[in-house]
Protein backbone atom coordinates (compact mmCIF):
# COMPACT_ATOMS: atom_id res chain seq x y z
CA MET A 1 -0.30 -0.06 -0.06
CA THR A 2 1.49 3.92 -1.22
CA THR A 3 1.95 5.97 1.05
CA GLN A 4 -1.05 8.17 -0.23
CA ALA A 5 -3.35 5.81 -0.15
CA ALA A 6 -2.79 4.62 3.77
CA GLU A 7 -3.57 8.65 4.02
CA GLY A 8 -6.24 8.41 2.47
CA LEU A 9 -7.40 5.01 4.59
CA ARG A 10 -7.03 7.49 7.72
CA ASP A 11 -8.33 10.15 6.90
CA ARG A 12 -12.10 8.32 5.70
CA LYS A 13 -11.62 6.53 8.84
CA LYS A 14 -11.13 9.63 11.01
CA ARG A 15 -14.05 10.98 8.50
CA GLN A 16 -16.28 8.24 10.05
CA THR A 17 -15.35 8.34 13.48
CA ARG A 18 -16.17 12.43 12.99
CA ALA A 19 -19.85 10.76 11.81
CA ALA A 20 -20.25 8.39 14.18
CA LEU A 21 -19.58 10.40 16.72
CA SER A 22 -22.13 13.28 15.91
CA HIS A 23 -24.75 10.84 14.96
CA ALA A 24 -24.87 9.18 18.13
CA ALA A 25 -24.44 12.20 19.57
CA VAL A 26 -27.76 13.99 17.97
CA ARG A 27 -29.76 10.97 18.45
CA LEU A 28 -29.39 11.01 22.45
CA VAL A 29 -29.66 14.28 22.56
CA ALA A 30 -32.79 14.19 20.39
CA GLU A 31 -34.36 11.30 22.70
CA HIS A 32 -33.06 12.41 26.03
CA GLY A 33 -31.85 15.20 26.26
CA LEU A 34 -29.14 17.31 26.54
CA ASP A 35 -28.60 17.40 30.11
CA HIS A 36 -29.07 13.93 30.81
CA VAL A 37 -26.37 12.50 27.41
CA THR A 38 -22.70 12.63 28.72
CA VAL A 39 -19.57 11.64 26.70
CA GLU A 40 -20.11 7.74 27.51
CA ASP A 41 -22.71 7.86 26.74
CA ILE A 42 -22.01 9.11 23.37
CA SER A 43 -19.46 7.27 22.75
CA ALA A 44 -20.44 3.85 24.43
CA ALA A 45 -22.93 4.31 20.88
CA ALA A 46 -20.28 5.06 18.81
CA ASP A 47 -18.63 1.52 20.10
CA VAL A 48 -15.73 3.85 20.96
CA SER A 49 -13.63 5.12 23.62
CA PRO A 50 -14.33 7.72 25.61
CA ARG A 51 -10.80 8.32 25.03
CA THR A 52 -10.89 8.29 21.24
CA PHE A 53 -14.01 10.81 21.40
CA PHE A 54 -12.02 13.47 22.54
CA ASN A 55 -9.79 12.98 20.04
CA TYR A 56 -12.37 14.84 18.19
CA PHE A 57 -14.78 17.15 20.01
CA ALA A 58 -14.32 18.71 22.94
CA THR A 59 -17.52 18.69 24.54
CA LYS A 60 -20.24 16.64 24.27
CA GLU A 61 -22.12 19.80 22.55
CA ASP A 62 -19.39 19.91 20.24
CA ALA A 63 -20.29 16.61 19.22
CA VAL A 64 -24.19 17.32 18.22
CA LEU A 65 -23.14 20.51 16.28
CA GLY A 66 -20.10 19.04 14.24
CA PRO A 67 -18.23 21.63 13.10
CA ASP A 68 -16.24 21.06 10.06
CA PRO A 69 -13.28 22.33 10.41
CA ASP A 70 -13.33 22.99 6.32
CA THR A 71 -16.31 25.58 6.01
CA GLY A 72 -14.35 28.70 6.32
CA PRO A 73 -11.64 27.64 3.68
CA ARG A 74 -14.43 25.86 1.14
CA VAL A 75 -16.93 28.85 1.44
CA ARG A 76 -13.74 31.36 0.78
CA ALA A 77 -12.98 28.82 -2.29
CA ARG A 78 -16.70 29.23 -3.54
CA VAL A 79 -17.16 33.26 -2.96
CA LEU A 80 -13.87 33.31 -4.93
CA ALA A 81 -15.26 30.85 -7.80
CA GLN A 82 -18.45 32.56 -8.32
CA PRO A 83 -18.52 34.66 -11.81
CA ALA A 84 -16.97 38.44 -12.01
CA GLU A 85 -20.00 40.34 -13.23
CA LEU A 86 -21.69 39.26 -10.20
CA SER A 87 -21.45 41.83 -7.34
CA ALA A 88 -19.56 40.72 -4.38
CA ALA A 89 -23.05 40.52 -2.18
CA ALA A 90 -24.58 38.31 -5.14
CA ALA A 91 -21.55 36.27 -4.66
CA VAL A 92 -21.89 35.76 -1.37
CA ARG A 93 -25.63 34.98 -1.39
CA GLU A 94 -24.75 32.48 -4.10
CA ALA A 95 -21.48 30.79 -2.03
CA LEU A 96 -23.67 30.38 1.39
CA SER A 97 -26.76 28.93 -0.57
CA ALA A 98 -24.15 26.40 -2.46
CA GLU A 99 -22.46 25.51 1.08
CA VAL A 100 -25.94 24.89 3.08
CA ALA A 101 -27.10 23.20 -0.59
CA ALA A 102 -24.32 20.57 -0.36
CA VAL A 103 -24.31 20.32 3.84
CA VAL A 104 -27.99 19.43 3.65
CA ALA A 105 -27.78 17.13 0.18
CA GLU A 106 -24.85 15.41 2.86
CA ASP A 107 -27.11 13.93 5.14
CA ARG A 108 -30.31 15.38 5.06
CA GLU A 109 -31.50 14.00 8.08
CA LEU A 110 -28.88 14.46 10.31
CA TRP A 111 -29.04 17.90 9.28
CA LEU A 112 -32.85 17.90 10.56
CA ARG A 113 -32.60 16.48 12.68
CA ARG A 114 -29.64 18.48 14.91
CA MET A 115 -31.00 21.86 13.90
CA CYS A 116 -34.70 19.97 16.36
CA VAL A 117 -31.90 19.27 18.87
CA VAL A 118 -30.49 23.11 18.54
CA GLN A 119 -33.44 24.86 18.57
CA GLN A 120 -35.15 22.73 22.12
CA HIS A 121 -30.83 23.73 23.85
CA PRO A 122 -31.02 27.74 23.49
CA VAL A 123 -26.91 26.68 24.91
CA LEU A 124 -26.52 24.95 21.55
CA LEU A 125 -28.00 28.02 19.40
CA ALA A 126 -25.71 29.88 21.21
CA LYS A 127 -22.73 27.67 20.35
CA VAL A 128 -24.08 27.74 16.73
CA PHE A 129 -23.42 31.42 16.35
CA SER A 130 -20.60 31.41 18.50
CA GLY A 131 -18.68 28.98 16.18
CA GLY A 132 -19.07 30.86 12.87
CA GLU A 133 -15.65 33.92 13.82
CA ALA A 134 -13.67 31.05 12.08
CA VAL A 135 -15.80 31.16 8.97
CA GLU A 136 -16.51 34.63 8.79
CA ARG A 137 -13.56 35.68 9.01
CA GLU A 138 -12.58 32.75 5.54
CA LEU A 139 -15.93 34.56 3.89
CA VAL A 140 -14.48 37.94 5.20
CA ALA A 141 -10.60 36.85 3.08
CA GLY A 142 -12.58 35.82 0.23
CA ILE A 143 -14.62 39.25 0.04
CA ALA A 144 -11.82 41.47 0.21
CA GLU A 145 -9.44 38.77 -2.14
CA ARG A 146 -12.50 39.53 -4.90
CA VAL A 147 -13.35 43.10 -4.34
CA GLY A 148 -8.74 44.08 -4.59
CA LEU A 149 -9.51 45.56 -1.51
CA PRO A 150 -7.03 44.42 2.31
CA ALA A 151 -8.76 41.60 4.71
CA ASP A 152 -8.91 44.79 7.84
CA ASP A 153 -10.65 46.86 5.21
CA THR A 154 -14.30 48.35 6.20
CA TYR A 155 -16.43 47.08 3.19
CA PRO A 156 -14.76 43.25 3.03
CA LEU A 157 -15.60 44.11 7.37
CA LEU A 158 -18.41 44.50 7.45
CA LEU A 159 -19.81 41.78 4.06
CA GLY A 160 -18.52 39.19 6.40
CA ALA A 161 -19.97 40.35 9.32
CA ALA A 162 -24.46 41.45 7.68
CA ALA A 163 -23.41 38.32 6.14
CA GLY A 164 -22.82 36.31 9.42
CA ALA A 165 -25.67 38.12 10.57
CA ALA A 166 -28.11 36.70 7.21
CA PHE A 167 -26.63 33.52 7.94
CA ARG A 168 -27.94 33.83 11.46
CA VAL A 169 -31.34 35.07 11.07
CA ALA A 170 -32.27 32.85 8.15
CA VAL A 171 -30.84 29.29 10.70
CA VAL A 172 -33.51 31.00 13.29
CA ARG A 173 -36.33 31.36 11.31
CA TRP A 174 -35.99 27.97 9.04
CA SER A 175 -36.12 25.90 12.28
CA SER A 176 -39.22 27.55 14.08
CA VAL A 177 -41.32 26.58 10.46
CA ARG A 178 -39.18 24.10 8.65
CA TRP A 179 -42.37 22.01 9.46
CA SER A 180 -44.50 24.17 7.69
CA SER A 181 -45.68 22.22 4.03
CA THR A 182 -45.56 25.88 2.90
CA ALA A 183 -42.24 26.98 4.59
CA ALA A 184 -39.41 28.34 2.82
CA SER A 185 -36.19 25.88 2.49
CA LEU A 186 -33.00 27.34 4.79
CA GLN A 187 -31.17 28.60 0.69
CA ASP A 188 -34.58 31.08 0.53
CA LEU A 189 -34.55 32.21 3.36
CA LEU A 190 -30.54 32.81 3.51
CA ALA A 191 -30.63 34.85 0.04
CA GLU A 192 -33.63 36.76 1.38
CA ALA A 193 -31.94 37.87 4.15
CA VAL A 194 -28.43 39.19 1.82
CA ASP A 195 -31.17 40.56 -0.52
CA MET A 196 -32.08 42.79 1.61
CA LEU A 197 -28.82 43.68 3.14
CA ALA A 198 -27.49 43.83 -0.21
CA GLY A 199 -30.36 46.66 -1.42
CA GLY A 200 -29.57 49.28 1.53
CA LEU A 201 -31.41 47.50 3.54
CA ALA A 202 -34.68 49.37 3.20
CA ASP A 203 -38.42 49.42 5.05
CA PRO A 204 -39.65 46.08 4.19
CA PRO A 205 -42.96 46.89 1.34
CA SER A 206 -45.66 47.15 3.88
CA ALA A 207 -44.09 49.79 5.48
CA GLN A 208 -42.83 51.46 2.46
CA SER A 209 -46.99 51.21 1.30
CA GLN A 210 -47.82 53.61 4.58
CA SER A 211 -45.12 55.63 4.34
CA GLN A 212 -46.69 56.59 0.62
CA SER A 213 -50.30 56.52 2.31
CA ARG A 214 -49.63 59.12 4.89
CA ALA A 215 -47.03 61.55 1.78
CA THR A 216 -49.83 61.92 -0.12
CA SER A 217 -53.23 61.59 2.26
CA PRO A 218 -54.60 64.80 2.52
CA GLN A 219 -54.01 67.36 5.26
CA SER A 220 -56.71 67.69 7.70
């Protein structure tokens, strides 16, 4: 077996073990609640030792959320790969939508159950948001490279932060209405939020209509 093949096998086994731990954590927390599940429970369900668990995750919360360390670099690459004619905001929208679609498609059942668990445990939702900092840094770097500005310039920093906020809003909205037969997809909600930001976050249509009505109504 060549060194390259051996490394590929090791990486594949690592991904499989990581996925098994994450699946077990999400299933157990969904069934018993976060406070009633231990690292030992998760390890036993995944048929590994607690020592092995800590090679992949620092806490049981991390195992539930299953953060992917490659997400940031992947999002950065997606931003840079968008057609040159797109605005920076549109490129970010398409990049994030593509990332979400790919993640959901990889294991839709796990994604749905994980988001259900997150919605039921606010501490996990807060951890999702705080854990997005590394991804946001990569996103900012991609925006900066795309528009030809330093990564510490206001524009890429602001667009990156705004896109992160748009993603958090989309996740909160989606997780609260996902069971409705008419619910929009997470990608649609994310695109809507980013488009609002790109449009300057003007008043929503209903507020604009009310404002115009007041402006044209006769004075008493």
